Amino acid sequence: MHANEEARTRRVEPSREVGCVLGASGYITSWLVNLLLQHEYSINATVRDPHNLKKTKLIEEGSFDLVVEGCIGVFHTASLCYFDVKDPQ
């Protein structure tokens, strides 16, 4: 396992309640994360891989099991959009 992958998957047992934010790298969700932290929640978050924007496993069953485990709430702010347009005219 690569060191960055290990850091991303390492779980720390929080002493606070945990909220989950899926798609936390967006502008609005950055404010959501900030608000949750101000209210003393720990955060589990997902963000898109900046080196491979097409790489995604969001639609695979169980892909979010680890990140939502133990959370008291989930903010699902990320969604896949498929555009397969051959002729936009």
C-alpha atoms as a PDB file:
ATOM      1  CA  MET A   1       0.000   0.000   0.000  1.00  0.00           C
ATOM      2  CA  HIS A   2       1.319   3.441  -0.917  1.00  0.00           C
ATOM      3  CA  ALA A   3       1.951   5.832   1.986  1.00  0.00           C
ATOM      4  CA  ASN A   4      -0.710   8.295   0.772  1.00  0.00           C
ATOM      5  CA  GLU A   5      -3.278   5.504   0.476  1.00  0.00           C
ATOM      6  CA  GLU A   6      -2.466   4.360   3.994  1.00  0.00           C
ATOM      7  CA  ALA A   7      -2.963   7.895   5.333  1.00  0.00           C
ATOM      8  CA  ARG A   8      -6.289   8.186   3.542  1.00  0.00           C
ATOM      9  CA  THR A   9      -7.623   4.900   4.897  1.00  0.00           C
ATOM     10  CA  ARG A  10      -6.271   5.081   8.442  1.00  0.00           C
ATOM     11  CA  ARG A  11      -9.065   5.374  10.978  1.00  0.00           C
ATOM     12  CA  VAL A  12      -8.677   7.356  14.181  1.00  0.00           C
ATOM     13  CA  GLU A  13     -11.070   6.615  16.985  1.00  0.00           C
ATOM     14  CA  PRO A  14     -12.773   9.958  17.617  1.00  0.00           C
ATOM     15  CA  SER A  15     -13.736  11.237  21.025  1.00  0.00           C
ATOM     16  CA  ARG A  16     -16.556  13.241  19.401  1.00  0.00           C
ATOM     17  CA  GLU A  17     -19.577  12.366  17.295  1.00  0.00           C
ATOM     18  CA  VAL A  18     -18.719  11.794  13.660  1.00  0.00           C
ATOM     19  CA  GLY A  19     -20.436  13.272  10.642  1.00  0.00           C
ATOM     20  CA  CYS A  20     -19.763  12.232   7.057  1.00  0.00           C
ATOM     21  CA  VAL A  21     -19.524  14.604   4.085  1.00  0.00           C
ATOM     22  CA  LEU A  22     -19.387  12.994   0.650  1.00  0.00           C
ATOM     23  CA  GLY A  23     -17.908  15.382  -1.912  1.00  0.00           C
ATOM     24  CA  ALA A  24     -16.184  17.613   0.640  1.00  0.00           C
ATOM     25  CA  SER A  25     -13.922  19.446  -1.804  1.00  0.00           C
ATOM     26  CA  GLY A  26     -16.624  21.723  -3.193  1.00  0.00           C
ATOM     27  CA  TYR A  27     -17.138  25.352  -2.213  1.00  0.00           C
ATOM     28  CA  ILE A  28     -20.424  24.843  -0.357  1.00  0.00           C
ATOM     29  CA  THR A  29     -19.288  21.641   1.287  1.00  0.00           C
ATOM     30  CA  SER A  30     -16.119  23.338   2.540  1.00  0.00           C
ATOM     31  CA  TRP A  31     -18.406  25.648   4.528  1.00  0.00           C
ATOM     32  CA  LEU A  32     -20.425  22.641   5.705  1.00  0.00           C
ATOM     33  CA  VAL A  33     -17.257  20.938   6.969  1.00  0.00           C
ATOM     34  CA  ASN A  34     -16.207  24.180   8.679  1.00  0.00           C
ATOM     35  CA  LEU A  35     -19.602  24.473  10.382  1.00  0.00           C
ATOM     36  CA  LEU A  36     -19.512  20.868  11.599  1.00  0.00           C
ATOM     37  CA  LEU A  37     -16.005  21.346  12.980  1.00  0.00           C
ATOM     38  CA  GLN A  38     -17.089  24.519  14.785  1.00  0.00           C
ATOM     39  CA  HIS A  39     -19.828  22.457  16.430  1.00  0.00           C
ATOM     40  CA  GLU A  40     -17.148  19.981  17.558  1.00  0.00           C
ATOM     41  CA  TYR A  41     -17.957  17.098  15.238  1.00  0.00           C
ATOM     42  CA  SER A  42     -15.278  14.872  13.820  1.00  0.00           C
ATOM     43  CA  ILE A  43     -15.534  14.546  10.048  1.00  0.00           C
ATOM     44  CA  ASN A  44     -15.168  11.657   7.657  1.00  0.00           C
ATOM     45  CA  ALA A  45     -15.015  13.070   4.155  1.00  0.00           C
ATOM     46  CA  THR A  46     -14.594  11.987   0.564  1.00  0.00           C
ATOM     47  CA  VAL A  47     -13.035  14.016  -2.222  1.00  0.00           C
ATOM     48  CA  ARG A  48     -12.326  13.351  -5.881  1.00  0.00           C
ATOM     49  CA  ASP A  49      -8.846  12.177  -6.882  1.00  0.00           C
ATOM     50  CA  PRO A  50      -7.313  15.322  -8.458  1.00  0.00           C
ATOM     51  CA  HIS A  51      -4.966  13.226 -10.608  1.00  0.00           C
ATOM     52  CA  ASN A  52      -7.712  11.121 -12.141  1.00  0.00           C
ATOM     53  CA  LEU A  53     -11.058  12.918 -12.286  1.00  0.00           C
ATOM     54  CA  LYS A  54     -12.720  10.079 -14.199  1.00  0.00           C
ATOM     55  CA  LYS A  55     -11.716   7.426 -11.663  1.00  0.00           C
ATOM     56  CA  THR A  56     -14.681   6.715  -9.461  1.00  0.00           C
ATOM     57  CA  LYS A  57     -16.181   3.837  -7.588  1.00  0.00           C
ATOM     58  CA  LEU A  58     -19.200   5.715  -6.306  1.00  0.00           C
ATOM     59  CA  ILE A  59     -21.685   3.345  -7.899  1.00  0.00           C
ATOM     60  CA  GLU A  60     -20.084   0.150  -6.620  1.00  0.00           C
ATOM     61  CA  GLU A  61     -21.981  -1.494  -3.786  1.00  0.00           C
ATOM     62  CA  GLY A  62     -20.180  -1.027  -0.477  1.00  0.00           C
ATOM     63  CA  SER A  63     -17.876   1.725  -1.739  1.00  0.00           C
ATOM     64  CA  PHE A  64     -18.905   4.046   1.123  1.00  0.00           C
ATOM     65  CA  ASP A  65     -19.145   1.463   3.904  1.00  0.00           C
ATOM     66  CA  LEU A  66     -15.859   2.438   5.568  1.00  0.00           C
ATOM     67  CA  VAL A  67     -16.410   6.192   5.426  1.00  0.00           C
ATOM     68  CA  VAL A  68     -19.979   6.142   6.817  1.00  0.00           C
ATOM     69  CA  GLU A  69     -19.324   3.521   9.483  1.00  0.00           C
ATOM     70  CA  GLY A  70     -20.072   4.970  12.910  1.00  0.00           C
ATOM     71  CA  CYS A  71     -21.354   8.302  11.602  1.00  0.00           C
ATOM     72  CA  ILE A  72     -24.443   9.908  13.109  1.00  0.00           C
ATOM     73  CA  GLY A  73     -25.285  11.622   9.819  1.00  0.00           C
ATOM     74  CA  VAL A  74     -24.273  11.683   6.173  1.00  0.00           C
ATOM     75  CA  PHE A  75     -24.303  14.727   3.889  1.00  0.00           C
ATOM     76  CA  HIS A  76     -24.390  13.327   0.356  1.00  0.00           C
ATOM     77  CA  THR A  77     -23.307  16.305  -1.729  1.00  0.00           C
ATOM     78  CA  ALA A  78     -21.566  14.403  -4.534  1.00  0.00           C
ATOM     79  CA  SER A  79     -23.321  12.833  -7.473  1.00  0.00           C
ATOM     80  CA  LEU A  80     -22.292  11.220 -10.708  1.00  0.00           C
ATOM     81  CA  CYS A  81     -23.446  12.762 -13.948  1.00  0.00           C
ATOM     82  CA  TYR A  82     -23.019  10.796 -17.121  1.00  0.00           C
ATOM     83  CA  PHE A  83     -22.988  12.649 -20.414  1.00  0.00           C
ATOM     84  CA  ASP A  84     -22.660  10.478 -23.483  1.00  0.00           C
ATOM     85  CA  VAL A  85     -23.542  12.971 -26.187  1.00  0.00           C
ATOM     86  CA  LYS A  86     -22.563  11.977 -29.710  1.00  0.00           C
ATOM     87  CA  ASP A  87     -24.011  15.043 -31.467  1.00  0.00           C
ATOM     88  CA  PRO A  88     -24.971  17.972 -29.203  1.00  0.00           C
ATOM     89  CA  GLN A  89     -26.771  19.687 -32.102  1.00  0.00           C
END
